[in-house]
Amino acid sequence: MELPYPYYRLQADGPRETGCLMTIVIGDGVGGPLAGTTARGIVEDLARRLKGDPDDGVTVQLVLNSITAENLES
């Protein structure tokens, strides 16, 4: 599956579950993001919620996939 960049991959696994894997593409609307939010903040909050209580043993991995370019001309 081809996805637009940037996109996030979020995986949560735990001892009593098979886990889940999400691929998330977030785009700002015409006027920009909602006040006080960023795409990264949204997915980090989701990851924190999936992790839940530290005693549950759930592990969470969050990865940002992006393409960057650097101008090498001086």
N, C-alpha and C. Protein backbone atom coordinates (compact mmCIF):
# COMPACT_ATOMS: atom_id res chain seq x y z
N MET A 1 0.84 -1.16 0.00
CA MET A 1 0.00 0.00 0.00
C MET A 1 0.90 1.24 0.00
N GLU A 2 0.65 2.13 -0.90
CA GLU A 2 1.41 3.38 -0.98
C GLU A 2 0.70 4.46 -0.18
N LEU A 3 1.43 5.14 0.69
CA LEU A 3 0.85 6.16 1.55
C LEU A 3 1.50 7.51 1.28
N PRO A 4 0.76 8.59 1.48
CA PRO A 4 1.38 9.90 1.38
C PRO A 4 2.26 10.15 2.61
N TYR A 5 3.31 10.91 2.43
CA TYR A 5 4.19 11.24 3.54
C TYR A 5 3.79 12.60 4.10
N PRO A 6 3.96 12.86 5.35
CA PRO A 6 4.40 11.93 6.40
C PRO A 6 3.24 11.08 6.89
N TYR A 7 3.58 9.93 7.45
CA TYR A 7 2.58 9.10 8.10
C TYR A 7 3.21 8.44 9.33
N TYR A 8 2.35 8.05 10.24
CA TYR A 8 2.79 7.44 11.49
C TYR A 8 2.37 5.98 11.52
N ARG A 9 3.19 5.15 12.16
CA ARG A 9 2.83 3.76 12.43
C ARG A 9 2.87 3.59 13.94
N LEU A 10 1.78 3.11 14.47
CA LEU A 10 1.65 2.94 15.92
C LEU A 10 1.31 1.48 16.18
N GLN A 11 2.13 0.83 17.00
CA GLN A 11 1.89 -0.57 17.33
C GLN A 11 1.84 -0.72 18.83
N ALA A 12 0.83 -1.41 19.31
CA ALA A 12 0.68 -1.70 20.74
C ALA A 12 0.57 -3.20 20.92
N ASP A 13 1.37 -3.75 21.81
CA ASP A 13 1.35 -5.18 22.11
C ASP A 13 1.33 -5.37 23.61
N GLY A 14 0.68 -6.43 24.04
CA GLY A 14 0.62 -6.70 25.47
C GLY A 14 0.60 -8.19 25.74
N PRO A 15 0.79 -8.55 26.99
CA PRO A 15 0.86 -9.97 27.36
C PRO A 15 -0.46 -10.71 27.23
N ARG A 16 -1.59 -10.00 27.30
CA ARG A 16 -2.90 -10.67 27.27
C ARG A 16 -3.67 -10.35 25.99
N GLU A 17 -2.97 -9.89 24.96
CA GLU A 17 -3.65 -9.51 23.72
C GLU A 17 -2.73 -9.75 22.53
N THR A 18 -3.31 -9.79 21.36
CA THR A 18 -2.49 -9.96 20.17
C THR A 18 -1.93 -8.63 19.68
N GLY A 19 -2.48 -7.53 20.17
CA GLY A 19 -1.96 -6.22 19.82
C GLY A 19 -2.71 -5.58 18.67
N CYS A 20 -2.25 -4.41 18.30
CA CYS A 20 -2.84 -3.70 17.18
C CYS A 20 -1.77 -2.89 16.48
N LEU A 21 -1.96 -2.69 15.19
CA LEU A 21 -1.05 -1.89 14.37
C LEU A 21 -1.90 -0.90 13.60
N MET A 22 -1.57 0.38 13.74
CA MET A 22 -2.31 1.43 13.04
C MET A 22 -1.35 2.22 12.16
N THR A 23 -1.82 2.57 10.99
CA THR A 23 -1.12 3.48 10.11
C THR A 23 -1.97 4.74 10.04
N ILE A 24 -1.37 5.88 10.39
CA ILE A 24 -2.13 7.11 10.56
C ILE A 24 -1.58 8.20 9.65
N VAL A 25 -2.46 8.78 8.85
CA VAL A 25 -2.12 9.94 8.03
C VAL A 25 -2.97 11.09 8.55
N ILE A 26 -2.32 12.17 8.95
CA ILE A 26 -3.04 13.33 9.48
C ILE A 26 -2.68 14.53 8.61
N GLY A 27 -3.70 15.21 8.12
CA GLY A 27 -3.49 16.41 7.33
C GLY A 27 -4.21 17.59 7.97
N ASP A 28 -3.59 18.74 7.93
CA ASP A 28 -4.23 19.95 8.45
C ASP A 28 -5.29 20.43 7.47
N GLY A 29 -6.36 20.99 8.01
CA GLY A 29 -7.41 21.57 7.18
C GLY A 29 -6.94 22.87 6.53
N VAL A 30 -7.80 23.47 5.76
CA VAL A 30 -7.47 24.68 5.01
C VAL A 30 -6.95 25.79 5.93
N GLY A 31 -7.54 25.95 7.09
CA GLY A 31 -7.13 27.02 8.00
C GLY A 31 -5.99 26.63 8.92
N GLY A 32 -5.41 25.45 8.73
CA GLY A 32 -4.35 24.98 9.61
C GLY A 32 -4.91 24.03 10.66
N PRO A 33 -4.05 23.59 11.59
CA PRO A 33 -4.50 22.65 12.61
C PRO A 33 -5.43 23.32 13.62
N LEU A 34 -6.16 22.50 14.36
CA LEU A 34 -6.99 23.02 15.45
C LEU A 34 -6.09 23.72 16.46
N ALA A 35 -6.60 24.75 17.06
CA ALA A 35 -5.82 25.51 18.04
C ALA A 35 -5.27 24.59 19.13
N GLY A 36 -3.99 24.70 19.40
CA GLY A 36 -3.36 23.91 20.46
C GLY A 36 -3.05 22.48 20.10
N THR A 37 -3.18 22.10 18.82
CA THR A 37 -2.89 20.72 18.43
C THR A 37 -1.84 20.67 17.33
N THR A 38 -1.18 19.55 17.26
CA THR A 38 -0.27 19.22 16.15
C THR A 38 -0.52 17.77 15.80
N ALA A 39 -0.15 17.37 14.60
CA ALA A 39 -0.30 15.97 14.21
C ALA A 39 0.49 15.07 15.17
N ARG A 40 1.71 15.48 15.48
CA ARG A 40 2.55 14.67 16.38
C ARG A 40 1.91 14.57 17.77
N GLY A 41 1.38 15.67 18.28
CA GLY A 41 0.74 15.65 19.58
C GLY A 41 -0.45 14.71 19.63
N ILE A 42 -1.20 14.66 18.54
CA ILE A 42 -2.37 13.78 18.49
C ILE A 42 -1.96 12.32 18.56
N VAL A 43 -0.97 11.92 17.77
CA VAL A 43 -0.56 10.50 17.78
C VAL A 43 0.18 10.14 19.06
N GLU A 44 0.93 11.09 19.64
CA GLU A 44 1.59 10.82 20.92
C GLU A 44 0.55 10.62 22.03
N ASP A 45 -0.53 11.38 22.00
CA ASP A 45 -1.60 11.20 22.99
C ASP A 45 -2.27 9.84 22.80
N LEU A 46 -2.50 9.44 21.56
CA LEU A 46 -3.09 8.13 21.29
C LEU A 46 -2.17 7.02 21.79
N ALA A 47 -0.88 7.15 21.55
CA ALA A 47 0.08 6.15 22.03
C ALA A 47 0.06 6.06 23.55
N ARG A 48 -0.01 7.21 24.23
CA ARG A 48 -0.05 7.24 25.69
C ARG A 48 -1.32 6.54 26.20
N ARG A 49 -2.44 6.78 25.53
CA ARG A 49 -3.69 6.15 25.95
C ARG A 49 -3.66 4.63 25.74
N LEU A 50 -3.05 4.18 24.64
CA LEU A 50 -2.95 2.74 24.40
C LEU A 50 -2.05 2.07 25.43
N LYS A 51 -1.00 2.77 25.83
CA LYS A 51 -0.09 2.19 26.81
C LYS A 51 -0.78 2.00 28.15
N GLY A 52 -1.62 2.95 28.54
CA GLY A 52 -2.41 2.80 29.76
C GLY A 52 -1.56 2.69 31.01
N ASP A 53 -1.96 1.80 31.89
CA ASP A 53 -1.32 1.60 33.18
C ASP A 53 0.01 0.86 33.00
N PRO A 54 1.09 1.35 33.61
CA PRO A 54 2.39 0.67 33.47
C PRO A 54 2.36 -0.78 33.92
N ASP A 55 1.47 -1.13 34.84
CA ASP A 55 1.39 -2.51 35.34
C ASP A 55 0.74 -3.47 34.35
N ASP A 56 0.13 -2.96 33.28
CA ASP A 56 -0.52 -3.82 32.29
C ASP A 56 0.47 -4.54 31.39
N GLY A 57 1.70 -4.04 31.30
CA GLY A 57 2.71 -4.68 30.47
C GLY A 57 2.57 -4.40 28.99
N VAL A 58 1.80 -3.39 28.62
CA VAL A 58 1.62 -3.05 27.20
C VAL A 58 2.82 -2.24 26.72
N THR A 59 3.34 -2.61 25.57
CA THR A 59 4.43 -1.84 24.95
C THR A 59 3.88 -1.12 23.73
N VAL A 60 4.36 0.07 23.50
CA VAL A 60 3.89 0.88 22.39
C VAL A 60 5.09 1.39 21.60
N GLN A 61 5.02 1.27 20.29
CA GLN A 61 6.04 1.82 19.40
C GLN A 61 5.37 2.81 18.47
N LEU A 62 5.94 4.01 18.37
CA LEU A 62 5.42 5.04 17.49
C LEU A 62 6.54 5.48 16.57
N VAL A 63 6.29 5.42 15.25
CA VAL A 63 7.32 5.75 14.25
C VAL A 63 6.75 6.77 13.27
N LEU A 64 7.50 7.83 13.02
CA LEU A 64 7.15 8.81 12.00
C LEU A 64 7.93 8.46 10.74
N ASN A 65 7.22 8.26 9.63
CA ASN A 65 7.85 8.00 8.34
C ASN A 65 7.70 9.27 7.51
N SER A 66 8.83 9.85 7.10
CA SER A 66 8.77 11.08 6.33
C SER A 66 9.91 11.11 5.32
N ILE A 67 9.78 12.00 4.38
CA ILE A 67 10.83 12.24 3.39
C ILE A 67 11.34 13.65 3.65
N THR A 68 12.64 13.79 3.78
CA THR A 68 13.19 15.13 3.98
C THR A 68 14.16 15.44 2.84
N ALA A 69 14.31 16.71 2.61
CA ALA A 69 15.23 17.16 1.57
C ALA A 69 16.14 18.24 2.17
N GLU A 70 17.38 18.24 1.74
CA GLU A 70 18.34 19.23 2.22
C GLU A 70 18.99 19.89 1.02
N ASN A 71 18.93 21.20 0.97
CA ASN A 71 19.55 21.95 -0.12
C ASN A 71 21.06 21.97 0.11
N LEU A 72 21.81 21.39 -0.82
CA LEU A 72 23.27 21.31 -0.67
C LEU A 72 24.00 22.43 -1.39
N GLU A 73 23.25 23.27 -2.08
CA GLU A 73 23.89 24.41 -2.74
C GLU A 73 24.10 25.52 -1.73
N SER A 74 25.24 26.23 -1.85
CA SER A 74 25.47 27.33 -0.91
C SER A 74 25.15 28.66 -1.52
